[in-house]
Amino acid sequence: MSRIFTTSFASVYPHYVTKVEKKGRTKAELGEVIEWLTGFDESALGRHLEAGTTFEAFFADARLNPNASLIKGVVCGVRVEDLEDPLMQKIRYLDKLVDELAKGKAMDKVLRS
């Protein structure tokens, strides 16, 4: 099992915020991306952050967007669409969306609409 599975989402979330804000995007836009992928609105996300939910529990509780499979590309040198482990794939989906947001991609493109 990968160490990231037992890492708390709350410990990584500030890095996502920093990454997007450094590139001129907002925490609200990050929230929109997370909600699109997981179904967690601001209050549900807040509960997971406060509880220190692990990535494993975070994604176990998520309602993954049916269009998540449209997320393609490379994160950390690995193609997200080729990942075998479903949990790792969901984590990398989120990483990919955060990357795209930080790179200035239009929100409708990030959200595959």
N, C-alpha and C. Protein backbone atom coordinates (compact mmCIF):
# COMPACT_ATOMS: atom_id res chain seq x y z
N MET A 1 0.85 -1.19 0.00
CA MET A 1 0.00 0.00 0.00
C MET A 1 0.89 1.24 0.00
N SER A 2 0.49 2.21 -0.78
CA SER A 2 1.25 3.45 -0.88
C SER A 2 1.06 4.31 0.37
N ARG A 3 2.10 5.00 0.76
CA ARG A 3 2.04 5.86 1.94
C ARG A 3 0.99 6.96 1.80
N ILE A 4 0.76 7.42 0.57
CA ILE A 4 -0.21 8.51 0.36
C ILE A 4 -1.62 8.10 0.81
N PHE A 5 -1.94 6.81 0.74
CA PHE A 5 -3.29 6.36 1.11
C PHE A 5 -3.61 6.68 2.56
N THR A 6 -2.59 6.59 3.44
CA THR A 6 -2.81 6.83 4.86
C THR A 6 -2.41 8.24 5.29
N THR A 7 -2.02 9.06 4.33
CA THR A 7 -1.71 10.46 4.60
C THR A 7 -3.02 11.23 4.72
N SER A 8 -3.07 12.17 5.64
CA SER A 8 -4.32 12.93 5.77
C SER A 8 -4.45 13.92 4.61
N PHE A 9 -5.67 14.00 4.10
CA PHE A 9 -5.96 14.95 3.03
C PHE A 9 -5.63 16.37 3.48
N ALA A 10 -5.92 16.65 4.77
CA ALA A 10 -5.68 17.99 5.33
C ALA A 10 -4.20 18.38 5.28
N SER A 11 -3.30 17.40 5.32
CA SER A 11 -1.87 17.73 5.29
C SER A 11 -1.40 18.11 3.89
N VAL A 12 -2.13 17.69 2.87
CA VAL A 12 -1.75 17.98 1.48
C VAL A 12 -2.53 19.18 0.94
N TYR A 13 -3.75 19.37 1.41
CA TYR A 13 -4.63 20.44 0.93
C TYR A 13 -3.95 21.82 0.90
N PRO A 14 -3.23 22.24 1.97
CA PRO A 14 -2.57 23.57 1.90
C PRO A 14 -1.59 23.70 0.75
N HIS A 15 -0.97 22.58 0.36
CA HIS A 15 -0.04 22.60 -0.78
C HIS A 15 -0.81 22.84 -2.09
N TYR A 16 -1.99 22.25 -2.20
CA TYR A 16 -2.84 22.51 -3.37
C TYR A 16 -3.21 23.99 -3.42
N VAL A 17 -3.62 24.54 -2.26
CA VAL A 17 -4.01 25.96 -2.19
C VAL A 17 -2.84 26.84 -2.61
N THR A 18 -1.68 26.59 -2.02
CA THR A 18 -0.48 27.38 -2.35
C THR A 18 -0.17 27.30 -3.83
N LYS A 19 -0.23 26.10 -4.38
CA LYS A 19 0.10 25.89 -5.79
C LYS A 19 -0.81 26.71 -6.70
N VAL A 20 -2.12 26.68 -6.46
CA VAL A 20 -3.03 27.40 -7.35
C VAL A 20 -2.96 28.92 -7.11
N GLU A 21 -2.81 29.33 -5.83
CA GLU A 21 -2.77 30.76 -5.54
C GLU A 21 -1.50 31.42 -6.08
N LYS A 22 -0.38 30.68 -6.06
CA LYS A 22 0.86 31.20 -6.63
C LYS A 22 0.71 31.52 -8.10
N LYS A 23 -0.20 30.81 -8.75
CA LYS A 23 -0.42 30.99 -10.19
C LYS A 23 -1.64 31.86 -10.48
N GLY A 24 -2.13 32.57 -9.45
CA GLY A 24 -3.21 33.53 -9.69
C GLY A 24 -4.61 32.94 -9.66
N ARG A 25 -4.76 31.68 -9.27
CA ARG A 25 -6.09 31.10 -9.13
C ARG A 25 -6.51 31.21 -7.67
N THR A 26 -7.75 30.87 -7.39
CA THR A 26 -8.27 31.08 -6.03
C THR A 26 -8.59 29.76 -5.33
N LYS A 27 -8.69 29.88 -4.01
CA LYS A 27 -9.09 28.74 -3.18
C LYS A 27 -10.51 28.31 -3.56
N ALA A 28 -11.34 29.28 -3.93
CA ALA A 28 -12.72 28.97 -4.36
C ALA A 28 -12.71 28.13 -5.63
N GLU A 29 -11.81 28.46 -6.56
CA GLU A 29 -11.70 27.66 -7.79
C GLU A 29 -11.21 26.25 -7.47
N LEU A 30 -10.27 26.15 -6.54
CA LEU A 30 -9.81 24.83 -6.10
C LEU A 30 -10.98 24.05 -5.50
N GLY A 31 -11.79 24.73 -4.70
CA GLY A 31 -12.97 24.10 -4.11
C GLY A 31 -13.93 23.59 -5.17
N GLU A 32 -14.08 24.37 -6.22
CA GLU A 32 -14.96 23.98 -7.33
C GLU A 32 -14.45 22.71 -8.01
N VAL A 33 -13.14 22.64 -8.20
CA VAL A 33 -12.52 21.47 -8.82
C VAL A 33 -12.69 20.23 -7.93
N ILE A 34 -12.45 20.40 -6.63
CA ILE A 34 -12.60 19.28 -5.69
C ILE A 34 -14.06 18.82 -5.64
N GLU A 35 -14.98 19.78 -5.64
CA GLU A 35 -16.40 19.42 -5.61
C GLU A 35 -16.80 18.68 -6.89
N TRP A 36 -16.29 19.14 -8.03
CA TRP A 36 -16.60 18.47 -9.30
C TRP A 36 -16.16 17.01 -9.25
N LEU A 37 -14.93 16.78 -8.75
CA LEU A 37 -14.38 15.43 -8.74
C LEU A 37 -15.03 14.54 -7.69
N THR A 38 -15.25 15.08 -6.48
CA THR A 38 -15.64 14.23 -5.33
C THR A 38 -17.09 14.36 -4.90
N GLY A 39 -17.74 15.47 -5.30
CA GLY A 39 -19.09 15.73 -4.82
C GLY A 39 -19.10 16.45 -3.48
N PHE A 40 -17.93 16.73 -2.91
CA PHE A 40 -17.87 17.40 -1.61
C PHE A 40 -18.03 18.90 -1.77
N ASP A 41 -19.11 19.46 -1.20
CA ASP A 41 -19.24 20.91 -1.20
C ASP A 41 -18.32 21.48 -0.12
N GLU A 42 -18.37 22.79 0.05
CA GLU A 42 -17.45 23.46 0.97
C GLU A 42 -17.56 22.90 2.39
N SER A 43 -18.79 22.66 2.87
CA SER A 43 -18.93 22.19 4.26
C SER A 43 -18.46 20.74 4.40
N ALA A 44 -18.74 19.89 3.40
CA ALA A 44 -18.26 18.50 3.45
C ALA A 44 -16.73 18.47 3.41
N LEU A 45 -16.16 19.30 2.55
CA LEU A 45 -14.70 19.39 2.45
C LEU A 45 -14.13 19.84 3.79
N GLY A 46 -14.76 20.86 4.38
CA GLY A 46 -14.32 21.37 5.69
C GLY A 46 -14.33 20.29 6.76
N ARG A 47 -15.36 19.45 6.74
CA ARG A 47 -15.44 18.36 7.73
C ARG A 47 -14.28 17.38 7.54
N HIS A 48 -13.96 17.05 6.29
CA HIS A 48 -12.84 16.14 6.04
C HIS A 48 -11.52 16.78 6.48
N LEU A 49 -11.37 18.07 6.24
CA LEU A 49 -10.13 18.75 6.64
C LEU A 49 -10.00 18.77 8.16
N GLU A 50 -11.09 19.09 8.86
CA GLU A 50 -11.07 19.12 10.33
C GLU A 50 -10.81 17.74 10.92
N ALA A 51 -11.40 16.71 10.32
CA ALA A 51 -11.28 15.35 10.85
C ALA A 51 -9.93 14.71 10.56
N GLY A 52 -9.17 15.33 9.64
CA GLY A 52 -7.87 14.74 9.27
C GLY A 52 -8.03 13.44 8.51
N THR A 53 -9.09 13.36 7.72
CA THR A 53 -9.40 12.16 6.93
C THR A 53 -8.22 11.75 6.05
N THR A 54 -7.93 10.46 6.02
CA THR A 54 -6.88 9.96 5.11
C THR A 54 -7.39 10.04 3.67
N PHE A 55 -6.46 10.01 2.73
CA PHE A 55 -6.86 9.99 1.31
C PHE A 55 -7.77 8.79 1.05
N GLU A 56 -7.45 7.65 1.67
CA GLU A 56 -8.23 6.44 1.47
C GLU A 56 -9.69 6.67 1.89
N ALA A 57 -9.89 7.23 3.09
CA ALA A 57 -11.25 7.48 3.59
C ALA A 57 -11.92 8.62 2.82
N PHE A 58 -11.12 9.62 2.42
CA PHE A 58 -11.64 10.76 1.66
C PHE A 58 -12.28 10.28 0.37
N PHE A 59 -11.56 9.46 -0.37
CA PHE A 59 -12.11 8.97 -1.65
C PHE A 59 -13.14 7.87 -1.47
N ALA A 60 -13.08 7.14 -0.34
CA ALA A 60 -14.11 6.13 -0.06
C ALA A 60 -15.46 6.82 0.15
N ASP A 61 -15.43 8.03 0.67
CA ASP A 61 -16.64 8.80 0.96
C ASP A 61 -17.12 9.62 -0.25
N ALA A 62 -16.24 9.76 -1.24
CA ALA A 62 -16.53 10.63 -2.39
C ALA A 62 -17.52 9.96 -3.36
N ARG A 63 -18.27 10.80 -4.07
CA ARG A 63 -19.08 10.35 -5.21
C ARG A 63 -18.34 10.84 -6.45
N LEU A 64 -17.49 9.98 -7.00
CA LEU A 64 -16.63 10.39 -8.10
C LEU A 64 -17.46 10.82 -9.32
N ASN A 65 -17.08 11.94 -9.89
CA ASN A 65 -17.77 12.45 -11.07
C ASN A 65 -17.72 11.40 -12.19
N PRO A 66 -18.88 11.15 -12.84
CA PRO A 66 -18.89 10.16 -13.93
C PRO A 66 -17.94 10.51 -15.07
N ASN A 67 -17.59 11.80 -15.22
CA ASN A 67 -16.66 12.21 -16.27
C ASN A 67 -15.20 12.17 -15.84
N ALA A 68 -14.93 11.67 -14.64
CA ALA A 68 -13.53 11.62 -14.16
C ALA A 68 -12.65 10.81 -15.10
N SER A 69 -13.23 9.81 -15.77
CA SER A 69 -12.43 8.99 -16.68
C SER A 69 -11.93 9.79 -17.90
N LEU A 70 -12.47 11.00 -18.09
CA LEU A 70 -11.99 11.86 -19.17
C LEU A 70 -10.67 12.55 -18.81
N ILE A 71 -10.28 12.46 -17.55
CA ILE A 71 -9.02 13.06 -17.10
C ILE A 71 -7.89 12.18 -17.61
N LYS A 72 -7.05 12.77 -18.45
CA LYS A 72 -5.94 12.03 -19.05
C LYS A 72 -4.67 12.86 -18.88
N GLY A 73 -3.55 12.20 -19.00
CA GLY A 73 -2.29 12.93 -18.96
C GLY A 73 -1.34 12.34 -17.94
N VAL A 74 -0.21 13.03 -17.76
CA VAL A 74 0.87 12.53 -16.93
C VAL A 74 0.97 13.34 -15.65
N VAL A 75 1.04 12.62 -14.53
CA VAL A 75 1.31 13.24 -13.23
C VAL A 75 2.43 12.42 -12.59
N CYS A 76 3.47 13.10 -12.14
CA CYS A 76 4.61 12.41 -11.53
C CYS A 76 5.16 11.32 -12.45
N GLY A 77 5.17 11.59 -13.74
CA GLY A 77 5.75 10.66 -14.70
C GLY A 77 4.89 9.45 -15.04
N VAL A 78 3.64 9.44 -14.56
CA VAL A 78 2.77 8.29 -14.79
C VAL A 78 1.48 8.76 -15.46
N ARG A 79 1.04 8.03 -16.47
CA ARG A 79 -0.23 8.34 -17.14
C ARG A 79 -1.37 7.98 -16.21
N VAL A 80 -2.22 8.95 -15.86
CA VAL A 80 -3.30 8.68 -14.90
C VAL A 80 -4.29 7.65 -15.43
N GLU A 81 -4.50 7.65 -16.75
CA GLU A 81 -5.47 6.70 -17.32
C GLU A 81 -4.96 5.25 -17.29
N ASP A 82 -3.65 5.07 -17.08
CA ASP A 82 -3.06 3.72 -17.06
C ASP A 82 -2.86 3.15 -15.66
N LEU A 83 -3.18 3.92 -14.63
CA LEU A 83 -2.97 3.43 -13.27
C LEU A 83 -3.90 2.26 -12.96
N GLU A 84 -3.34 1.21 -12.37
CA GLU A 84 -4.10 0.00 -12.06
C GLU A 84 -4.90 0.18 -10.77
N ASP A 85 -4.28 0.79 -9.76
CA ASP A 85 -4.92 0.91 -8.46
C ASP A 85 -5.99 2.02 -8.49
N PRO A 86 -7.26 1.68 -8.22
CA PRO A 86 -8.33 2.67 -8.33
C PRO A 86 -8.16 3.86 -7.39
N LEU A 87 -7.66 3.62 -6.18
CA LEU A 87 -7.46 4.73 -5.24
C LEU A 87 -6.34 5.65 -5.71
N MET A 88 -5.23 5.07 -6.14
CA MET A 88 -4.12 5.89 -6.64
C MET A 88 -4.58 6.70 -7.85
N GLN A 89 -5.41 6.09 -8.70
CA GLN A 89 -5.91 6.79 -9.87
C GLN A 89 -6.74 8.00 -9.45
N LYS A 90 -7.59 7.86 -8.44
CA LYS A 90 -8.41 8.98 -7.97
C LYS A 90 -7.54 10.10 -7.41
N ILE A 91 -6.51 9.72 -6.64
CA ILE A 91 -5.59 10.72 -6.09
C ILE A 91 -4.89 11.47 -7.23
N ARG A 92 -4.45 10.73 -8.23
CA ARG A 92 -3.77 11.36 -9.37
C ARG A 92 -4.74 12.18 -10.23
N TYR A 93 -6.00 11.78 -10.30
CA TYR A 93 -7.00 12.62 -10.97
C TYR A 93 -7.02 13.99 -10.31
N LEU A 94 -7.08 14.00 -8.99
CA LEU A 94 -7.11 15.26 -8.26
C LEU A 94 -5.83 16.06 -8.51
N ASP A 95 -4.68 15.38 -8.46
CA ASP A 95 -3.40 16.07 -8.74
C ASP A 95 -3.42 16.70 -10.12
N LYS A 96 -3.92 15.96 -11.09
CA LYS A 96 -3.95 16.44 -12.48
C LYS A 96 -4.85 17.68 -12.59
N LEU A 97 -6.01 17.65 -11.94
CA LEU A 97 -6.92 18.80 -11.98
C LEU A 97 -6.28 20.02 -11.33
N VAL A 98 -5.61 19.82 -10.21
CA VAL A 98 -4.92 20.92 -9.53
C VAL A 98 -3.83 21.49 -10.43
N ASP A 99 -3.07 20.60 -11.10
CA ASP A 99 -2.03 21.05 -12.04
C ASP A 99 -2.63 21.90 -13.14
N GLU A 100 -3.72 21.41 -13.72
CA GLU A 100 -4.34 22.14 -14.83
C GLU A 100 -4.86 23.50 -14.38
N LEU A 101 -5.44 23.54 -13.20
CA LEU A 101 -5.93 24.81 -12.65
C LEU A 101 -4.76 25.78 -12.46
N ALA A 102 -3.68 25.28 -11.87
CA ALA A 102 -2.50 26.11 -11.63
C ALA A 102 -1.86 26.58 -12.93
N LYS A 103 -1.97 25.78 -13.98
CA LYS A 103 -1.37 26.16 -15.26
C LYS A 103 -2.24 27.14 -16.04
N GLY A 104 -3.37 27.54 -15.45
CA GLY A 104 -4.19 28.56 -16.08
C GLY A 104 -5.21 28.04 -17.08
N LYS A 105 -5.43 26.76 -17.10
CA LYS A 105 -6.43 26.19 -18.01
C LYS A 105 -7.81 26.75 -17.66
N ALA A 106 -8.63 26.97 -18.67
CA ALA A 106 -9.99 27.48 -18.45
C ALA A 106 -10.78 26.48 -17.61
N MET A 107 -11.61 27.00 -16.70
CA MET A 107 -12.34 26.14 -15.77
C MET A 107 -13.21 25.11 -16.49
N ASP A 108 -13.85 25.48 -17.60
CA ASP A 108 -14.70 24.51 -18.29
C ASP A 108 -13.87 23.35 -18.86
N LYS A 109 -12.61 23.63 -19.21
CA LYS A 109 -11.71 22.57 -19.68
C LYS A 109 -11.27 21.68 -18.51
N VAL A 110 -10.91 22.32 -17.39
CA VAL A 110 -10.49 21.57 -16.21
C VAL A 110 -11.62 20.63 -15.78
N LEU A 111 -12.86 21.14 -15.81
CA LEU A 111 -14.01 20.37 -15.35
C LEU A 111 -14.63 19.50 -16.44
N ARG A 112 -13.91 19.36 -17.56
CA ARG A 112 -14.34 18.46 -18.64
C ARG A 112 -15.79 18.69 -19.06
N SER A 113 -16.19 19.99 -19.16
CA SER A 113 -17.58 20.23 -19.53
C SER A 113 -17.73 20.60 -21.00
